[in-house]
Amino acid sequence: MAKVLGLGGVFFTCADLDNTKAWYARVLGMEPDADGGLAFLHRDSAEAFPQGARTVFAPFPDASYFAPSSAQFMLNLIVDDLDAILARARAEGVDEVQPREAHPYGRFGWIMDPDGRKLELWEPPRG
């Protein structure tokens, strides 16, 4: 039976394309590729987190978990060093929107991007 193998991309609009791309590069270290997109190679997360790298596709009954964003979705981004990413974000004037959390399946922090989308930063457990 044919099945979906993973998430192929996330596409969204933004108020200022150049500013949004620059913000993601500056704050989160995501460099645009030759086509202007911000691509992730699955092998990079699998190398860093052999047991924990995955894409979660989860419908929610309402958008309250995404607050303070008014969007009906949230982006969850795998990071290799949550503390360092959040320190860089703070240095760029980006505040965390809720306290960090640690669970057996990883550590989490939350910030907002320039267009008001909530970003959940996830550092999976190592090993």
N, C-alpha and C. Protein backbone atom coordinates (compact mmCIF):
# COMPACT_ATOMS: atom_id res chain seq x y z
N MET A 1 0.83 -1.18 0.00
CA MET A 1 0.00 0.00 0.00
C MET A 1 0.88 1.25 0.00
N ALA A 2 0.57 2.21 -0.83
CA ALA A 2 1.31 3.46 -0.88
C ALA A 2 1.06 4.25 0.40
N LYS A 3 2.08 4.97 0.88
CA LYS A 3 1.93 5.76 2.10
C LYS A 3 2.83 6.98 2.05
N VAL A 4 2.51 7.94 2.88
CA VAL A 4 3.32 9.14 3.02
C VAL A 4 4.58 8.77 3.79
N LEU A 5 5.74 9.26 3.35
CA LEU A 5 7.01 8.96 4.00
C LEU A 5 7.50 10.07 4.91
N GLY A 6 6.95 11.26 4.75
CA GLY A 6 7.40 12.37 5.59
C GLY A 6 6.87 13.68 5.07
N LEU A 7 7.25 14.70 5.75
CA LEU A 7 6.85 16.06 5.39
C LEU A 7 7.83 16.59 4.36
N GLY A 8 7.34 17.00 3.22
CA GLY A 8 8.21 17.47 2.15
C GLY A 8 8.48 18.96 2.20
N GLY A 9 7.70 19.70 2.94
CA GLY A 9 7.93 21.14 3.05
C GLY A 9 6.82 21.82 3.81
N VAL A 10 7.12 23.01 4.24
CA VAL A 10 6.14 23.89 4.88
C VAL A 10 6.22 25.21 4.12
N PHE A 11 5.10 25.67 3.62
CA PHE A 11 5.06 26.87 2.80
C PHE A 11 4.08 27.84 3.41
N PHE A 12 4.49 29.09 3.56
CA PHE A 12 3.64 30.07 4.22
C PHE A 12 3.93 31.46 3.67
N THR A 13 3.00 32.36 3.88
CA THR A 13 3.18 33.74 3.45
C THR A 13 3.78 34.54 4.60
N CYS A 14 4.38 35.68 4.25
CA CYS A 14 4.95 36.57 5.26
C CYS A 14 4.82 38.00 4.77
N ALA A 15 4.83 38.92 5.71
CA ALA A 15 4.64 40.34 5.38
C ALA A 15 5.84 40.89 4.61
N ASP A 16 7.05 40.48 4.97
CA ASP A 16 8.27 40.99 4.34
C ASP A 16 9.21 39.81 4.11
N LEU A 17 9.21 39.29 2.90
CA LEU A 17 9.97 38.09 2.56
C LEU A 17 11.44 38.19 2.95
N ASP A 18 12.11 39.26 2.54
CA ASP A 18 13.54 39.39 2.83
C ASP A 18 13.80 39.46 4.33
N ASN A 19 12.96 40.21 5.06
CA ASN A 19 13.12 40.33 6.51
C ASN A 19 12.91 38.97 7.19
N THR A 20 11.90 38.24 6.76
CA THR A 20 11.62 36.94 7.37
C THR A 20 12.77 35.97 7.13
N LYS A 21 13.29 35.90 5.91
CA LYS A 21 14.42 35.02 5.63
C LYS A 21 15.65 35.43 6.44
N ALA A 22 15.90 36.74 6.52
CA ALA A 22 17.05 37.23 7.29
C ALA A 22 16.88 36.91 8.78
N TRP A 23 15.67 37.03 9.30
CA TRP A 23 15.39 36.73 10.71
C TRP A 23 15.67 35.25 10.99
N TYR A 24 15.17 34.35 10.15
CA TYR A 24 15.40 32.92 10.35
C TYR A 24 16.90 32.59 10.26
N ALA A 25 17.63 33.26 9.40
CA ALA A 25 19.08 33.03 9.31
C ALA A 25 19.79 33.58 10.54
N ARG A 26 19.46 34.79 10.93
CA ARG A 26 20.13 35.46 12.05
C ARG A 26 19.78 34.82 13.40
N VAL A 27 18.52 34.57 13.65
CA VAL A 27 18.07 34.09 14.95
C VAL A 27 18.20 32.58 15.10
N LEU A 28 17.89 31.84 14.04
CA LEU A 28 17.88 30.38 14.14
C LEU A 28 18.99 29.69 13.36
N GLY A 29 19.82 30.44 12.64
CA GLY A 29 20.93 29.84 11.92
C GLY A 29 20.52 29.06 10.68
N MET A 30 19.36 29.37 10.12
CA MET A 30 18.85 28.68 8.94
C MET A 30 19.24 29.48 7.70
N GLU A 31 20.19 28.98 6.95
CA GLU A 31 20.67 29.69 5.77
C GLU A 31 19.87 29.29 4.54
N PRO A 32 19.41 30.26 3.76
CA PRO A 32 18.67 29.94 2.53
C PRO A 32 19.54 29.16 1.54
N ASP A 33 18.92 28.24 0.80
CA ASP A 33 19.64 27.50 -0.22
C ASP A 33 19.63 28.30 -1.52
N ALA A 34 20.15 27.72 -2.59
CA ALA A 34 20.27 28.41 -3.88
C ALA A 34 18.91 28.87 -4.42
N ASP A 35 17.84 28.17 -4.06
CA ASP A 35 16.51 28.53 -4.52
C ASP A 35 15.82 29.53 -3.59
N GLY A 36 16.48 29.90 -2.50
CA GLY A 36 15.90 30.85 -1.56
C GLY A 36 15.10 30.21 -0.45
N GLY A 37 14.99 28.89 -0.47
CA GLY A 37 14.28 28.19 0.60
C GLY A 37 15.21 27.87 1.75
N LEU A 38 14.63 27.43 2.84
CA LEU A 38 15.39 27.03 4.02
C LEU A 38 15.18 25.53 4.18
N ALA A 39 16.08 24.74 3.62
CA ALA A 39 15.89 23.29 3.54
C ALA A 39 16.64 22.56 4.66
N PHE A 40 16.09 21.42 5.06
CA PHE A 40 16.72 20.54 6.03
C PHE A 40 16.96 19.20 5.35
N LEU A 41 18.11 18.63 5.57
CA LEU A 41 18.37 17.28 5.09
C LEU A 41 18.06 16.31 6.21
N HIS A 42 17.28 15.29 5.93
CA HIS A 42 16.90 14.31 6.95
C HIS A 42 18.13 13.66 7.58
N ARG A 43 19.18 13.48 6.78
CA ARG A 43 20.36 12.81 7.33
C ARG A 43 21.01 13.63 8.43
N ASP A 44 20.90 14.97 8.38
CA ASP A 44 21.51 15.80 9.41
C ASP A 44 20.87 15.57 10.78
N SER A 45 19.55 15.54 10.83
CA SER A 45 18.89 15.30 12.13
C SER A 45 19.07 13.85 12.56
N ALA A 46 19.10 12.91 11.61
CA ALA A 46 19.31 11.51 11.96
C ALA A 46 20.71 11.27 12.52
N GLU A 47 21.70 12.01 12.00
CA GLU A 47 23.06 11.88 12.53
C GLU A 47 23.14 12.45 13.94
N ALA A 48 22.50 13.58 14.17
CA ALA A 48 22.56 14.23 15.48
C ALA A 48 21.72 13.49 16.52
N PHE A 49 20.59 12.96 16.10
CA PHE A 49 19.65 12.32 17.02
C PHE A 49 19.19 10.98 16.44
N PRO A 50 20.04 9.94 16.46
CA PRO A 50 19.71 8.68 15.80
C PRO A 50 18.40 8.04 16.27
N GLN A 51 18.04 8.20 17.52
CA GLN A 51 16.83 7.60 18.03
C GLN A 51 15.65 8.56 18.10
N GLY A 52 15.92 9.87 18.00
CA GLY A 52 14.85 10.82 18.26
C GLY A 52 14.39 11.66 17.09
N ALA A 53 15.13 11.69 15.99
CA ALA A 53 14.76 12.55 14.86
C ALA A 53 13.52 12.00 14.17
N ARG A 54 12.52 12.84 14.03
CA ARG A 54 11.29 12.43 13.35
C ARG A 54 10.47 13.68 13.07
N THR A 55 9.52 13.55 12.20
CA THR A 55 8.56 14.60 11.95
C THR A 55 7.23 14.14 12.52
N VAL A 56 6.63 14.99 13.33
CA VAL A 56 5.33 14.67 13.93
C VAL A 56 4.26 15.43 13.17
N PHE A 57 3.23 14.73 12.78
CA PHE A 57 2.08 15.31 12.08
C PHE A 57 0.90 15.09 13.00
N ALA A 58 0.43 16.15 13.68
CA ALA A 58 -0.59 15.96 14.71
C ALA A 58 -1.69 17.02 14.63
N PRO A 59 -2.90 16.60 14.28
CA PRO A 59 -4.03 17.53 14.34
C PRO A 59 -4.36 17.87 15.80
N PHE A 60 -4.80 19.09 16.03
CA PHE A 60 -5.21 19.54 17.36
C PHE A 60 -6.69 19.91 17.32
N PRO A 61 -7.41 19.74 18.41
CA PRO A 61 -8.84 20.07 18.41
C PRO A 61 -9.11 21.57 18.34
N ASP A 62 -8.14 22.38 18.79
CA ASP A 62 -8.27 23.84 18.70
C ASP A 62 -6.86 24.42 18.69
N ALA A 63 -6.75 25.72 18.48
CA ALA A 63 -5.44 26.36 18.33
C ALA A 63 -4.92 26.97 19.62
N SER A 64 -5.49 26.65 20.77
CA SER A 64 -5.06 27.27 22.02
C SER A 64 -3.59 26.96 22.35
N TYR A 65 -3.09 25.79 21.97
CA TYR A 65 -1.69 25.44 22.22
C TYR A 65 -0.75 26.35 21.42
N PHE A 66 -1.24 26.94 20.35
CA PHE A 66 -0.40 27.78 19.49
C PHE A 66 -0.33 29.22 19.98
N ALA A 67 -1.08 29.58 21.01
CA ALA A 67 -1.07 30.93 21.57
C ALA A 67 0.33 31.28 22.05
N PRO A 68 0.76 32.51 21.93
CA PRO A 68 -0.05 33.68 21.62
C PRO A 68 -0.26 33.95 20.14
N SER A 69 0.15 33.04 19.28
CA SER A 69 -0.09 33.21 17.85
C SER A 69 -1.58 33.06 17.56
N SER A 70 -2.04 33.77 16.55
CA SER A 70 -3.43 33.61 16.11
C SER A 70 -3.52 32.65 14.91
N ALA A 71 -2.37 32.14 14.47
CA ALA A 71 -2.35 31.20 13.35
C ALA A 71 -2.96 29.86 13.77
N GLN A 72 -3.46 29.13 12.81
CA GLN A 72 -4.05 27.83 13.09
C GLN A 72 -3.03 26.70 13.00
N PHE A 73 -1.76 27.05 13.04
CA PHE A 73 -0.70 26.06 13.02
C PHE A 73 0.50 26.61 13.77
N MET A 74 1.42 25.73 14.11
CA MET A 74 2.66 26.10 14.77
C MET A 74 3.77 25.31 14.08
N LEU A 75 4.94 25.89 13.96
CA LEU A 75 6.07 25.17 13.40
C LEU A 75 6.92 24.60 14.53
N ASN A 76 7.23 23.33 14.44
CA ASN A 76 8.12 22.66 15.39
C ASN A 76 9.43 22.43 14.64
N LEU A 77 10.50 23.00 15.15
CA LEU A 77 11.80 22.90 14.49
C LEU A 77 12.78 22.12 15.37
N ILE A 78 13.43 21.11 14.80
CA ILE A 78 14.45 20.35 15.52
C ILE A 78 15.70 21.22 15.62
N VAL A 79 16.24 21.35 16.82
CA VAL A 79 17.47 22.11 17.03
C VAL A 79 18.52 21.22 17.68
N ASP A 80 19.79 21.54 17.43
CA ASP A 80 20.86 20.72 18.00
C ASP A 80 21.32 21.21 19.37
N ASP A 81 20.98 22.46 19.74
CA ASP A 81 21.39 23.01 21.04
C ASP A 81 20.36 24.05 21.44
N LEU A 82 19.34 23.63 22.17
CA LEU A 82 18.23 24.52 22.53
C LEU A 82 18.72 25.74 23.30
N ASP A 83 19.60 25.55 24.27
CA ASP A 83 20.06 26.68 25.08
C ASP A 83 20.78 27.72 24.22
N ALA A 84 21.64 27.27 23.31
CA ALA A 84 22.39 28.20 22.46
C ALA A 84 21.46 28.93 21.49
N ILE A 85 20.50 28.23 20.91
CA ILE A 85 19.55 28.88 19.99
C ILE A 85 18.75 29.95 20.74
N LEU A 86 18.27 29.61 21.94
CA LEU A 86 17.47 30.58 22.68
C LEU A 86 18.32 31.74 23.18
N ALA A 87 19.58 31.50 23.49
CA ALA A 87 20.48 32.60 23.86
C ALA A 87 20.68 33.54 22.67
N ARG A 88 20.87 32.98 21.48
CA ARG A 88 21.03 33.81 20.28
C ARG A 88 19.75 34.59 20.00
N ALA A 89 18.60 33.93 20.17
CA ALA A 89 17.32 34.62 19.96
C ALA A 89 17.19 35.78 20.94
N ARG A 90 17.50 35.53 22.20
CA ARG A 90 17.42 36.59 23.22
C ARG A 90 18.34 37.76 22.86
N ALA A 91 19.55 37.46 22.39
CA ALA A 91 20.49 38.51 21.97
C ALA A 91 19.95 39.33 20.81
N GLU A 92 19.06 38.74 20.01
CA GLU A 92 18.44 39.43 18.88
C GLU A 92 17.12 40.11 19.28
N GLY A 93 16.82 40.10 20.58
CA GLY A 93 15.60 40.75 21.06
C GLY A 93 14.35 39.90 20.97
N VAL A 94 14.52 38.58 20.80
CA VAL A 94 13.39 37.67 20.69
C VAL A 94 13.21 36.98 22.04
N ASP A 95 12.05 37.19 22.66
CA ASP A 95 11.77 36.60 23.97
C ASP A 95 11.09 35.25 23.84
N GLU A 96 11.33 34.41 24.82
CA GLU A 96 10.60 33.15 24.92
C GLU A 96 9.17 33.49 25.34
N VAL A 97 8.20 32.78 24.78
CA VAL A 97 6.80 33.09 25.06
C VAL A 97 6.20 32.20 26.15
N GLN A 98 6.95 31.21 26.61
CA GLN A 98 6.51 30.38 27.73
C GLN A 98 7.73 29.67 28.27
N PRO A 99 7.64 29.16 29.50
CA PRO A 99 8.80 28.49 30.10
C PRO A 99 9.21 27.24 29.31
N ARG A 100 10.50 26.98 29.31
CA ARG A 100 11.03 25.77 28.67
C ARG A 100 10.50 24.53 29.39
N GLU A 101 10.46 23.44 28.64
CA GLU A 101 10.01 22.17 29.22
C GLU A 101 10.97 21.05 28.83
N ALA A 102 11.09 20.09 29.72
CA ALA A 102 11.90 18.89 29.45
C ALA A 102 11.01 17.66 29.65
N HIS A 103 11.09 16.75 28.70
CA HIS A 103 10.31 15.51 28.72
C HIS A 103 11.23 14.37 28.30
N PRO A 104 10.83 13.13 28.50
CA PRO A 104 11.67 12.02 28.06
C PRO A 104 11.96 12.06 26.55
N TYR A 105 11.09 12.67 25.77
CA TYR A 105 11.25 12.74 24.32
C TYR A 105 11.93 14.04 23.87
N GLY A 106 12.45 14.84 24.80
CA GLY A 106 13.23 16.01 24.43
C GLY A 106 12.93 17.25 25.23
N ARG A 107 13.67 18.29 24.90
CA ARG A 107 13.53 19.60 25.54
C ARG A 107 12.91 20.57 24.55
N PHE A 108 12.12 21.53 25.07
CA PHE A 108 11.36 22.44 24.23
C PHE A 108 11.48 23.88 24.72
N GLY A 109 11.47 24.80 23.76
CA GLY A 109 11.38 26.22 24.02
C GLY A 109 10.51 26.83 22.93
N TRP A 110 9.91 28.00 23.21
CA TRP A 110 8.98 28.61 22.26
C TRP A 110 9.28 30.08 22.06
N ILE A 111 9.28 30.50 20.81
CA ILE A 111 9.44 31.91 20.44
C ILE A 111 8.45 32.22 19.32
N MET A 112 8.36 33.49 18.96
CA MET A 112 7.51 33.92 17.85
C MET A 112 8.40 34.44 16.73
N ASP A 113 8.03 34.15 15.47
CA ASP A 113 8.78 34.70 14.34
C ASP A 113 8.26 36.10 14.02
N PRO A 114 8.88 36.81 13.07
CA PRO A 114 8.48 38.20 12.80
C PRO A 114 7.04 38.36 12.32
N ASP A 115 6.44 37.30 11.81
CA ASP A 115 5.06 37.37 11.33
C ASP A 115 4.05 36.85 12.34
N GLY A 116 4.49 36.61 13.57
CA GLY A 116 3.58 36.20 14.63
C GLY A 116 3.26 34.72 14.68
N ARG A 117 4.08 33.89 14.02
CA ARG A 117 3.90 32.45 14.10
C ARG A 117 4.67 31.92 15.30
N LYS A 118 4.06 31.04 16.05
CA LYS A 118 4.74 30.42 17.18
C LYS A 118 5.66 29.32 16.66
N LEU A 119 6.89 29.33 17.15
CA LEU A 119 7.87 28.31 16.80
C LEU A 119 8.18 27.50 18.05
N GLU A 120 7.99 26.20 17.94
CA GLU A 120 8.36 25.29 19.01
C GLU A 120 9.72 24.72 18.64
N LEU A 121 10.72 25.00 19.46
CA LEU A 121 12.07 24.52 19.21
C LEU A 121 12.28 23.25 20.02
N TRP A 122 12.61 22.16 19.34
CA TRP A 122 12.70 20.84 19.96
C TRP A 122 14.09 20.28 19.83
N GLU A 123 14.71 19.99 20.97
CA GLU A 123 15.99 19.28 21.00
C GLU A 123 15.69 17.84 21.44
N PRO A 124 15.65 16.89 20.51
CA PRO A 124 15.37 15.49 20.88
C PRO A 124 16.46 14.95 21.81
N PRO A 125 16.16 13.88 22.53
CA PRO A 125 17.19 13.28 23.37
C PRO A 125 18.30 12.66 22.51
N ARG A 126 19.50 12.68 23.02
CA ARG A 126 20.62 12.07 22.30
C ARG A 126 20.74 10.61 22.68
N GLY A 127 21.10 9.79 21.69
CA GLY A 127 21.34 8.38 21.96
C GLY A 127 20.10 7.57 22.19
